[in-house]
Amino acid sequence: MADTTRAAAAKTSSANGIGGRVAIVTGAARGIGAAVARTLSEHGAVVAALDIDGTGHHEHGYRVDVRDSAAVEAAVGDIEEHLGPVGILVNVAGVLRTGPVTDTTDADWHEVFAVNVYGVVHCCRSVARRMVPRRTGVIVTVGSNAAGVPRMNMAAYAASKAATAHAMRCLGLELARYGIRCNVVAPGSTDTDMQRALWAEGTHEASVLRGAPEAYRVGIPLGRLADPQDVADAVLFLASDQARHITMQQLYVDGGAALQG
């Protein structure tokens, strides 16, 4: 039954522009990135999984530091040579540094922007240059609802995600004439290692769901944390031809926590 279900999904996704396409997913070793890589693969994509820590469990895994533009360019060139033209890019790799602005260091800000902003730029630039002559392609970046809602002790992370979201809108505007779509999926609190690291600092699931008035943070109206699969499903939709007339958009996947669309 499972094989039949997967075959049906692959057939459907082939019709929707996923099956048979080469997809690059960054940050694919764990969490949301792993869920995105798995989901695209299950729907027929040939997934090139990139991660700084390596992705040995993927058939096409590449150890790549997205902060290094030369390394990104080399990886994309190798992927195109051996797997075929890249039709889908999903930027998931990201880092989080927390603390009051007055306590954060230059290194904190540089590290967050190096991965969350410049890493995305490196990947988008390398892949988009190749997509333009083909006049087709999809780029989806996983951002955060913190890009649109101020968060205490998260200024560097929130600023990096806001910068990336707007850069994606600009990129989408530039690439629209070539039929290339660019969108952002903005999760809220999601059950990942990054989220659990925050709990180690004193936050916990119940407080996330309930909210924290003293930190000017509302809870999650739907009453649950996101699962990485929730985010992966949104990425799948935006990468598919079902979203063929959607570009330059930011889709919140946060259970209503941002109180906005």
Protein backbone atom coordinates (compact mmCIF):
# COMPACT_ATOMS: atom_id res chain seq x y z
CA MET A 1 0.00 0.00 0.00
CA ALA A 2 2.83 2.38 0.89
CA ASP A 3 4.52 1.77 -2.47
CA THR A 4 1.23 2.37 -4.27
CA THR A 5 0.71 5.62 -2.37
CA ARG A 6 4.22 6.84 -3.18
CA ALA A 7 3.78 5.91 -6.84
CA ALA A 8 0.50 7.82 -6.99
CA ALA A 9 2.14 10.84 -5.32
CA ALA A 10 5.02 10.72 -7.78
CA LYS A 11 2.60 10.52 -10.72
CA THR A 12 0.62 13.47 -9.41
CA SER A 13 3.75 15.52 -8.77
CA SER A 14 5.07 14.76 -12.23
CA ALA A 15 1.95 16.39 -13.59
CA ASN A 16 2.43 19.28 -11.17
CA GLY A 17 6.02 20.01 -12.09
CA ILE A 18 7.86 18.20 -9.28
CA GLY A 19 8.52 14.72 -10.64
CA GLY A 20 11.80 14.35 -12.50
CA ARG A 21 13.07 17.85 -11.66
CA VAL A 22 16.41 18.40 -9.97
CA ALA A 23 15.94 20.15 -6.63
CA ILE A 24 18.64 21.62 -4.40
CA VAL A 25 17.80 21.78 -0.70
CA THR A 26 20.20 23.49 1.72
CA GLY A 27 20.30 22.69 5.42
CA ALA A 28 19.08 19.22 4.48
CA ALA A 29 20.71 17.24 7.29
CA ARG A 30 18.01 17.77 9.88
CA GLY A 31 14.80 19.50 10.88
CA ILE A 32 12.87 21.41 8.25
CA GLY A 33 15.56 20.90 5.60
CA ALA A 34 15.45 17.13 6.03
CA ALA A 35 11.65 17.16 5.81
CA VAL A 36 11.75 19.25 2.62
CA ALA A 37 14.36 17.01 1.01
CA ARG A 38 12.39 13.88 1.89
CA THR A 39 9.08 15.31 0.71
CA LEU A 40 10.40 16.50 -2.65
CA SER A 41 12.09 13.13 -3.16
CA GLU A 42 8.89 11.24 -2.32
CA HIS A 43 7.12 13.33 -4.95
CA GLY A 44 9.58 12.39 -7.66
CA ALA A 45 12.24 15.11 -7.54
CA VAL A 46 15.92 14.29 -7.85
CA VAL A 47 17.16 15.93 -4.66
CA ALA A 48 20.65 17.30 -4.17
CA ALA A 49 20.94 17.69 -0.38
CA LEU A 50 23.39 20.32 0.85
CA ASP A 51 24.53 20.81 4.43
CA ILE A 52 27.65 22.02 6.21
CA ASP A 53 27.61 18.86 8.35
CA GLY A 54 27.26 16.51 5.40
CA THR A 55 24.20 14.56 4.30
CA GLY A 56 25.43 11.00 3.99
CA HIS A 57 21.95 9.48 4.27
CA HIS A 58 20.89 11.16 1.03
CA GLU A 59 21.64 9.56 -2.32
CA HIS A 60 22.98 12.87 -3.63
CA GLY A 61 24.52 14.55 -0.60
CA TYR A 62 26.97 17.45 -0.70
CA ARG A 63 28.97 18.89 2.18
CA VAL A 64 28.73 22.63 1.47
CA ASP A 65 29.10 25.76 3.59
CA VAL A 66 26.64 28.25 2.08
CA ARG A 67 28.71 31.10 3.52
CA ASP A 68 31.36 30.25 0.92
CA SER A 69 30.19 31.54 -2.47
CA ALA A 70 32.92 29.65 -4.34
CA ALA A 71 31.93 26.38 -2.67
CA VAL A 72 28.28 26.99 -3.55
CA GLU A 73 29.15 27.75 -7.16
CA ALA A 74 31.27 24.60 -7.41
CA ALA A 75 28.49 22.44 -5.92
CA VAL A 76 25.81 23.85 -8.21
CA GLY A 77 28.06 23.30 -11.23
CA ASP A 78 28.69 19.70 -10.18
CA ILE A 79 24.99 19.08 -9.61
CA GLU A 80 24.07 20.43 -13.04
CA GLU A 81 26.79 18.34 -14.67
CA HIS A 82 25.89 15.06 -12.99
CA LEU A 83 22.17 15.32 -12.12
CA GLY A 84 20.84 17.76 -14.70
CA PRO A 85 19.51 21.32 -14.79
CA VAL A 86 18.30 22.59 -11.45
CA GLY A 87 14.59 23.33 -11.56
CA ILE A 88 13.96 23.92 -7.86
CA LEU A 89 16.04 25.61 -5.16
CA VAL A 90 14.93 25.54 -1.54
CA ASN A 91 17.00 27.58 0.92
CA VAL A 92 16.58 26.19 4.43
CA ALA A 93 20.03 26.52 6.02
CA GLY A 94 19.93 28.97 8.89
CA VAL A 95 21.36 29.81 12.30
CA LEU A 96 20.01 31.53 15.40
CA ARG A 97 21.81 33.68 17.97
CA THR A 98 19.73 35.10 20.81
CA GLY A 99 20.22 37.81 23.40
CA PRO A 100 19.55 41.51 23.96
CA VAL A 101 20.94 43.79 21.29
CA THR A 102 23.16 45.42 23.90
CA ASP A 103 24.77 42.06 24.70
CA THR A 104 25.15 40.57 21.23
CA THR A 105 28.60 40.70 19.68
CA ASP A 106 29.87 41.61 16.24
CA ALA A 107 30.54 37.90 15.73
CA ASP A 108 26.90 37.05 16.52
CA TRP A 109 25.60 39.48 13.91
CA HIS A 110 28.18 38.50 11.29
CA GLU A 111 27.45 34.78 11.73
CA VAL A 112 23.67 35.17 11.50
CA PHE A 113 23.84 37.36 8.41
CA ALA A 114 26.56 35.22 6.81
CA VAL A 115 24.27 32.19 6.79
CA ASN A 116 20.73 33.58 6.77
CA VAL A 117 21.31 36.36 4.24
CA TYR A 118 24.55 35.91 2.32
CA GLY A 119 24.15 32.12 2.20
CA VAL A 120 20.76 32.53 0.57
CA VAL A 121 22.15 35.12 -1.85
CA HIS A 122 25.02 32.82 -2.82
CA CYS A 123 22.67 29.96 -3.61
CA CYS A 124 20.04 32.08 -5.38
CA ARG A 125 22.63 33.86 -7.49
CA SER A 126 24.36 30.67 -8.60
CA VAL A 127 21.14 28.82 -9.44
CA ALA A 128 19.27 31.79 -10.95
CA ARG A 129 22.10 32.48 -13.39
CA ARG A 130 21.51 29.02 -14.79
CA MET A 131 17.73 29.19 -14.69
CA VAL A 132 17.50 32.46 -16.64
CA PRO A 133 18.61 31.07 -20.05
CA ARG A 134 16.21 28.16 -19.58
CA ARG A 135 13.40 30.57 -18.67
CA THR A 136 12.03 28.29 -15.98
CA GLY A 137 12.57 27.53 -12.32
CA VAL A 138 11.32 27.93 -8.76
CA ILE A 139 13.10 29.32 -5.71
CA VAL A 140 11.62 28.94 -2.24
CA THR A 141 13.33 30.27 0.88
CA VAL A 142 12.36 29.18 4.37
CA GLY A 143 12.31 32.32 6.48
CA SER A 144 10.53 33.04 9.77
CA ASN A 145 7.49 34.86 11.06
CA ALA A 146 10.04 36.86 13.08
CA ALA A 147 10.72 38.72 9.83
CA GLY A 148 7.41 40.53 10.24
CA VAL A 149 6.93 40.59 14.01
CA PRO A 150 9.41 42.11 16.49
CA ARG A 151 10.81 39.56 18.95
CA MET A 152 12.67 40.33 22.13
CA ASN A 153 16.22 38.93 22.26
CA MET A 154 16.08 37.91 18.59
CA ALA A 155 17.06 41.11 16.79
CA ALA A 156 19.88 39.66 14.68
CA TYR A 157 17.82 36.64 13.60
CA ALA A 158 14.68 38.67 12.91
CA ALA A 159 16.61 41.30 10.96
CA SER A 160 18.33 38.64 8.87
CA LYS A 161 15.04 36.97 8.01
CA ALA A 162 13.43 40.32 7.15
CA ALA A 163 16.36 41.17 4.88
CA THR A 164 16.13 37.82 3.15
CA ALA A 165 12.37 38.04 2.68
CA HIS A 166 12.66 41.40 0.97
CA ALA A 167 15.63 40.28 -1.12
CA MET A 168 13.48 37.40 -2.35
CA ARG A 169 10.75 39.82 -3.39
CA CYS A 170 13.29 41.85 -5.33
CA LEU A 171 14.73 38.71 -6.91
CA GLY A 172 11.24 37.54 -7.83
CA LEU A 173 10.57 40.86 -9.54
CA GLU A 174 13.79 40.62 -11.54
CA LEU A 175 13.22 37.01 -12.56
CA ALA A 176 9.50 37.17 -13.34
CA ARG A 177 10.16 38.04 -16.99
CA TYR A 178 11.93 34.70 -17.32
CA GLY A 179 9.08 32.71 -15.81
CA ILE A 180 11.01 32.05 -12.60
CA ARG A 181 9.05 32.26 -9.34
CA CYS A 182 10.49 33.26 -5.93
CA ASN A 183 8.60 32.86 -2.67
CA VAL A 184 9.16 32.62 1.08
CA VAL A 185 7.66 30.19 3.59
CA ALA A 186 7.69 31.78 7.05
CA PRO A 187 7.31 29.25 9.86
CA GLY A 188 6.67 30.11 13.45
CA SER A 189 7.70 27.88 16.36
CA THR A 190 8.50 24.48 14.88
CA ASP A 191 9.57 21.30 16.66
CA THR A 192 13.23 21.27 15.60
CA ASP A 193 16.62 21.19 17.31
CA MET A 194 16.74 24.99 17.03
CA GLN A 195 13.43 25.32 18.86
CA ARG A 196 14.46 22.89 21.58
CA ALA A 197 17.69 24.83 22.09
CA LEU A 198 15.53 27.80 23.03
CA TRP A 199 13.71 25.65 25.58
CA ALA A 200 17.07 24.88 27.18
CA GLU A 201 17.35 28.62 27.82
CA GLY A 202 14.21 28.58 29.95
CA THR A 203 11.39 28.56 27.41
CA HIS A 204 9.26 25.44 27.00
CA GLU A 205 6.49 24.18 24.76
CA ALA A 206 3.63 25.20 27.05
CA SER A 207 4.89 28.77 27.27
CA VAL A 208 5.28 28.95 23.49
CA LEU A 209 1.70 27.81 23.01
CA ARG A 210 0.40 30.11 25.74
CA GLY A 211 2.43 33.18 24.80
CA ALA A 212 4.38 35.57 27.01
CA PRO A 213 2.77 38.96 27.70
CA GLU A 214 5.90 40.17 29.49
CA ALA A 215 7.81 39.63 26.21
CA TYR A 216 4.96 41.07 24.09
CA ARG A 217 4.53 37.73 22.41
CA VAL A 218 1.18 36.13 21.65
CA GLY A 219 0.69 32.39 21.74
CA ILE A 220 -0.27 30.08 18.89
CA PRO A 221 -4.02 30.30 18.14
CA LEU A 222 -4.14 26.77 16.72
CA GLY A 223 -2.66 25.45 19.96
CA ARG A 224 0.18 23.34 18.58
CA LEU A 225 3.76 23.64 17.44
CA ALA A 226 4.39 23.18 13.76
CA ASP A 227 5.93 19.91 12.67
CA PRO A 228 8.73 20.15 10.06
CA GLN A 229 6.37 18.35 7.69
CA ASP A 230 3.90 21.25 7.92
CA VAL A 231 6.58 23.53 6.52
CA ALA A 232 7.71 20.99 3.94
CA ASP A 233 4.16 20.68 2.62
CA ALA A 234 3.98 24.45 2.12
CA VAL A 235 7.30 24.35 0.26
CA LEU A 236 6.01 21.50 -1.89
CA PHE A 237 2.97 23.52 -2.87
CA LEU A 238 4.96 26.64 -3.79
CA ALA A 239 7.45 24.55 -5.76
CA SER A 240 4.69 22.87 -7.75
CA ASP A 241 2.81 24.05 -10.81
CA GLN A 242 -0.26 24.40 -8.59
CA ALA A 243 1.39 27.67 -7.51
CA ARG A 244 2.36 28.68 -11.03
CA HIS A 245 0.85 32.17 -10.66
CA ILE A 246 2.29 32.85 -7.20
CA THR A 247 5.53 34.78 -6.85
CA MET A 248 7.06 37.40 -4.52
CA GLN A 249 4.88 36.14 -1.66
CA GLN A 250 5.53 35.20 1.97
CA LEU A 251 3.39 32.36 3.29
CA TYR A 252 3.13 32.19 7.08
CA VAL A 253 3.01 28.66 8.51
CA ASP A 254 2.74 29.48 12.19
CA GLY A 255 -0.71 28.48 13.44
CA GLY A 256 -1.77 32.11 13.39
CA ALA A 257 0.95 33.26 15.82
CA ALA A 258 1.89 36.33 13.80
CA LEU A 259 -1.74 37.46 13.60
CA GLN A 260 -1.19 38.38 9.96
CA GLY A 261 -1.01 36.91 6.49
